[in-house]
């Protein structure tokens, strides 16, 4: 597995629990060996990395050292109790969509929905590398 592309880092207002510092968000495109990784094994590896980097799961939407989300896995569509692809809330989050477009401006979800069209329907404001979105 290797990082093929990464967006700039964006500072974003906390969603859900508001009384906490702003988050630093970034998207990365990983190239993975298909014989070594499928969506489940990649998610498991990301969760291992979170633990190694100091992630402690205490409070939903609360402060954390790191949060690695699997947003897409090629054109895979997965519906499991703890793994849903495409990520179920990404279409509502400017802090996910803006960095994704930095990596691949023409990116589409499985089924053909353009990421840009999802972003255009959101109420958000981008100022330099800060994303403001009502939560």
C-alpha atoms as a PDB file:
ATOM      1  CA  UNK A   1       0.000   0.000   0.000  1.00  0.00           C
ATOM      2  CA  UNK A   2       1.281   3.467  -0.814  1.00  0.00           C
ATOM      3  CA  UNK A   3      -0.044   7.015  -0.938  1.00  0.00           C
ATOM      4  CA  UNK A   4      -0.539   8.031  -4.554  1.00  0.00           C
ATOM      5  CA  UNK A   5      -1.946  11.531  -3.938  1.00  0.00           C
ATOM      6  CA  UNK A   6      -2.904  13.720  -0.976  1.00  0.00           C
ATOM      7  CA  UNK A   7      -4.888  16.916  -0.670  1.00  0.00           C
ATOM      8  CA  UNK A   8      -3.798  19.953   1.299  1.00  0.00           C
ATOM      9  CA  UNK A   9      -4.815  19.964   4.951  1.00  0.00           C
ATOM     10  CA  UNK A  10      -8.004  21.891   5.703  1.00  0.00           C
ATOM     11  CA  UNK A  11      -9.100  23.209   9.085  1.00  0.00           C
ATOM     12  CA  UNK A  12     -12.771  22.558   9.694  1.00  0.00           C
ATOM     13  CA  UNK A  13     -15.321  23.372  12.319  1.00  0.00           C
ATOM     14  CA  UNK A  14     -16.223  20.447  14.551  1.00  0.00           C
ATOM     15  CA  UNK A  15     -19.441  18.688  13.603  1.00  0.00           C
ATOM     16  CA  UNK A  16     -21.721  17.204  16.242  1.00  0.00           C
ATOM     17  CA  UNK A  17     -19.897  18.118  19.462  1.00  0.00           C
ATOM     18  CA  UNK A  18     -19.095  21.816  18.969  1.00  0.00           C
ATOM     19  CA  UNK A  19     -17.079  22.595  22.123  1.00  0.00           C
ATOM     20  CA  UNK A  20     -13.690  21.336  20.913  1.00  0.00           C
ATOM     21  CA  UNK A  21     -10.819  22.498  18.721  1.00  0.00           C
ATOM     22  CA  UNK A  22     -11.161  22.620  14.948  1.00  0.00           C
ATOM     23  CA  UNK A  23     -10.178  19.495  13.033  1.00  0.00           C
ATOM     24  CA  UNK A  24      -7.434  19.087  10.462  1.00  0.00           C
ATOM     25  CA  UNK A  25      -8.815  17.149   7.477  1.00  0.00           C
ATOM     26  CA  UNK A  26      -7.076  15.695   4.473  1.00  0.00           C
ATOM     27  CA  UNK A  27      -7.911  13.130   1.805  1.00  0.00           C
ATOM     28  CA  UNK A  28      -5.452  10.650   0.365  1.00  0.00           C
ATOM     29  CA  UNK A  29      -5.633   8.205  -2.495  1.00  0.00           C
ATOM     30  CA  UNK A  30      -3.984   4.891  -1.692  1.00  0.00           C
ATOM     31  CA  UNK A  31      -2.746   2.399  -4.225  1.00  0.00           C
ATOM     32  CA  UNK A  32      -3.175  -1.100  -2.838  1.00  0.00           C
ATOM     33  CA  UNK A  33      -2.258  -4.540  -4.073  1.00  0.00           C
ATOM     34  CA  UNK A  34      -5.620  -6.159  -4.864  1.00  0.00           C
ATOM     35  CA  UNK A  35      -4.226  -9.562  -3.886  1.00  0.00           C
ATOM     36  CA  UNK A  36      -3.439  -8.227  -0.389  1.00  0.00           C
ATOM     37  CA  UNK A  37      -6.345  -5.898   0.307  1.00  0.00           C
ATOM     38  CA  UNK A  38     -10.075  -5.890  -0.114  1.00  0.00           C
ATOM     39  CA  UNK A  39     -12.315  -3.264   1.544  1.00  0.00           C
ATOM     40  CA  UNK A  40     -12.535  -5.208   4.838  1.00  0.00           C
ATOM     41  CA  UNK A  41      -8.796  -5.836   5.159  1.00  0.00           C
ATOM     42  CA  UNK A  42      -8.014  -2.218   4.273  1.00  0.00           C
ATOM     43  CA  UNK A  43     -10.437  -0.942   6.920  1.00  0.00           C
ATOM     44  CA  UNK A  44      -8.849  -3.300   9.468  1.00  0.00           C
ATOM     45  CA  UNK A  45      -5.408  -1.950   8.574  1.00  0.00           C
ATOM     46  CA  UNK A  46      -6.607   1.666   8.940  1.00  0.00           C
ATOM     47  CA  UNK A  47      -8.036   0.875  12.382  1.00  0.00           C
ATOM     48  CA  UNK A  48      -4.692  -0.696  13.395  1.00  0.00           C
ATOM     49  CA  UNK A  49      -2.891   2.458  12.260  1.00  0.00           C
ATOM     50  CA  UNK A  50      -5.265   4.604  14.340  1.00  0.00           C
ATOM     51  CA  UNK A  51      -4.396   2.579  17.445  1.00  0.00           C
ATOM     52  CA  UNK A  52      -0.669   2.832  16.727  1.00  0.00           C
ATOM     53  CA  UNK A  53      -1.028   6.618  16.367  1.00  0.00           C
ATOM     54  CA  UNK A  54      -2.794   7.018  19.714  1.00  0.00           C
ATOM     55  CA  UNK A  55      -6.496   6.866  18.836  1.00  0.00           C
ATOM     56  CA  UNK A  56      -8.688   6.244  21.856  1.00  0.00           C
ATOM     57  CA  UNK A  57     -12.400   5.849  21.133  1.00  0.00           C
ATOM     58  CA  UNK A  58     -14.144   7.692  23.953  1.00  0.00           C
ATOM     59  CA  UNK A  59     -16.883   9.994  22.715  1.00  0.00           C
ATOM     60  CA  UNK A  60     -18.538  10.011  19.307  1.00  0.00           C
ATOM     61  CA  UNK A  61     -17.509  13.142  17.362  1.00  0.00           C
ATOM     62  CA  UNK A  62     -15.200  14.131  20.235  1.00  0.00           C
ATOM     63  CA  UNK A  63     -11.537  15.143  20.082  1.00  0.00           C
ATOM     64  CA  UNK A  64      -9.148  12.467  18.851  1.00  0.00           C
ATOM     65  CA  UNK A  65      -5.529  12.100  17.849  1.00  0.00           C
ATOM     66  CA  UNK A  66      -6.380  10.597  14.450  1.00  0.00           C
ATOM     67  CA  UNK A  67      -9.412   9.443  12.482  1.00  0.00           C
ATOM     68  CA  UNK A  68      -8.896   7.426   9.310  1.00  0.00           C
ATOM     69  CA  UNK A  69     -12.035   6.820   7.253  1.00  0.00           C
ATOM     70  CA  UNK A  70     -12.366   4.552   4.248  1.00  0.00           C
ATOM     71  CA  UNK A  71     -14.480   6.626   1.859  1.00  0.00           C
ATOM     72  CA  UNK A  72     -14.281   4.664  -1.384  1.00  0.00           C
ATOM     73  CA  UNK A  73     -12.674   1.482  -2.641  1.00  0.00           C
ATOM     74  CA  UNK A  74     -12.740   1.780  -6.415  1.00  0.00           C
ATOM     75  CA  UNK A  75     -16.282   1.078  -7.569  1.00  0.00           C
ATOM     76  CA  UNK A  76     -17.043  -1.235  -4.646  1.00  0.00           C
ATOM     77  CA  UNK A  77     -20.430  -0.938  -2.977  1.00  0.00           C
ATOM     78  CA  UNK A  78     -20.459  -2.570   0.465  1.00  0.00           C
ATOM     79  CA  UNK A  79     -23.311  -2.723   2.982  1.00  0.00           C
ATOM     80  CA  UNK A  80     -22.180  -4.367   6.238  1.00  0.00           C
ATOM     81  CA  UNK A  81     -22.906  -3.434   9.850  1.00  0.00           C
ATOM     82  CA  UNK A  82     -19.505  -1.797  10.358  1.00  0.00           C
ATOM     83  CA  UNK A  83     -18.420  -1.069   6.770  1.00  0.00           C
ATOM     84  CA  UNK A  84     -20.453   0.908   4.248  1.00  0.00           C
ATOM     85  CA  UNK A  85     -18.988   2.031   0.930  1.00  0.00           C
ATOM     86  CA  UNK A  86     -19.192   4.632  -0.332  1.00  0.00           C
ATOM     87  CA  UNK A  87     -18.936   6.176   3.134  1.00  0.00           C
ATOM     88  CA  UNK A  88     -22.546   6.907   4.159  1.00  0.00           C
ATOM     89  CA  UNK A  89     -22.051  10.511   5.324  1.00  0.00           C
ATOM     90  CA  UNK A  90     -19.459  11.764   2.872  1.00  0.00           C
ATOM     91  CA  UNK A  91     -22.029  13.388   0.571  1.00  0.00           C
ATOM     92  CA  UNK A  92     -23.081  15.751   3.393  1.00  0.00           C
ATOM     93  CA  UNK A  93     -19.594  16.836   4.425  1.00  0.00           C
ATOM     94  CA  UNK A  94     -17.738  19.610   2.658  1.00  0.00           C
ATOM     95  CA  UNK A  95     -14.652  18.713   4.715  1.00  0.00           C
ATOM     96  CA  UNK A  96     -14.610  15.367   2.873  1.00  0.00           C
ATOM     97  CA  UNK A  97     -15.663  16.482  -0.608  1.00  0.00           C
ATOM     98  CA  UNK A  98     -13.382  19.524  -0.962  1.00  0.00           C
ATOM     99  CA  UNK A  99     -10.178  17.522  -0.337  1.00  0.00           C
ATOM    100  CA  UNK A 100     -11.396  14.696  -2.585  1.00  0.00           C
ATOM    101  CA  UNK A 101     -11.807  17.161  -5.454  1.00  0.00           C
ATOM    102  CA  UNK A 102      -8.252  18.402  -4.887  1.00  0.00           C
ATOM    103  CA  UNK A 103      -7.034  14.884  -5.610  1.00  0.00           C
ATOM    104  CA  UNK A 104      -9.371  14.050  -8.475  1.00  0.00           C
ATOM    105  CA  UNK A 105     -11.586  16.882  -9.800  1.00  0.00           C
ATOM    106  CA  UNK A 106     -13.698  14.551 -11.954  1.00  0.00           C
ATOM    107  CA  UNK A 107     -14.258  11.913  -9.259  1.00  0.00           C
ATOM    108  CA  UNK A 108     -17.595  10.095  -9.337  1.00  0.00           C
ATOM    109  CA  UNK A 109     -19.229   7.724  -6.897  1.00  0.00           C
ATOM    110  CA  UNK A 110     -20.079   4.200  -7.990  1.00  0.00           C
ATOM    111  CA  UNK A 111     -23.206   4.688 -10.078  1.00  0.00           C
ATOM    112  CA  UNK A 112     -21.897   7.886 -11.658  1.00  0.00           C
ATOM    113  CA  UNK A 113     -22.798  10.712  -9.251  1.00  0.00           C
ATOM    114  CA  UNK A 114     -20.145  13.424  -9.518  1.00  0.00           C
ATOM    115  CA  UNK A 115     -18.523  14.508  -6.250  1.00  0.00           C
ATOM    116  CA  UNK A 116     -18.611  18.099  -7.529  1.00  0.00           C
ATOM    117  CA  UNK A 117     -22.423  17.958  -7.831  1.00  0.00           C
ATOM    118  CA  UNK A 118     -22.701  16.746  -4.222  1.00  0.00           C
ATOM    119  CA  UNK A 119     -20.546  19.641  -3.034  1.00  0.00           C
ATOM    120  CA  UNK A 120     -22.546  22.203  -5.018  1.00  0.00           C
ATOM    121  CA  UNK A 121     -25.705  21.390  -3.053  1.00  0.00           C
ATOM    122  CA  UNK A 122     -24.087  21.912   0.370  1.00  0.00           C
ATOM    123  CA  UNK A 123     -24.203  25.050   2.510  1.00  0.00           C
ATOM    124  CA  UNK A 124     -20.525  25.717   3.262  1.00  0.00           C
ATOM    125  CA  UNK A 125     -17.913  28.429   2.953  1.00  0.00           C
ATOM    126  CA  UNK A 126     -14.282  27.898   1.970  1.00  0.00           C
ATOM    127  CA  UNK A 127     -11.795  30.589   3.012  1.00  0.00           C
ATOM    128  CA  UNK A 128      -8.213  29.720   2.107  1.00  0.00           C
ATOM    129  CA  UNK A 129      -7.768  26.369   3.873  1.00  0.00           C
ATOM    130  CA  UNK A 130     -10.695  26.753   6.313  1.00  0.00           C
ATOM    131  CA  UNK A 131     -14.034  25.090   5.690  1.00  0.00           C
ATOM    132  CA  UNK A 132     -17.063  26.488   7.470  1.00  0.00           C
ATOM    133  CA  UNK A 133     -20.174  24.334   7.379  1.00  0.00           C
ATOM    134  CA  UNK A 134     -23.177  24.582   9.691  1.00  0.00           C
ATOM    135  CA  UNK A 135     -23.318  21.415  11.772  1.00  0.00           C
END
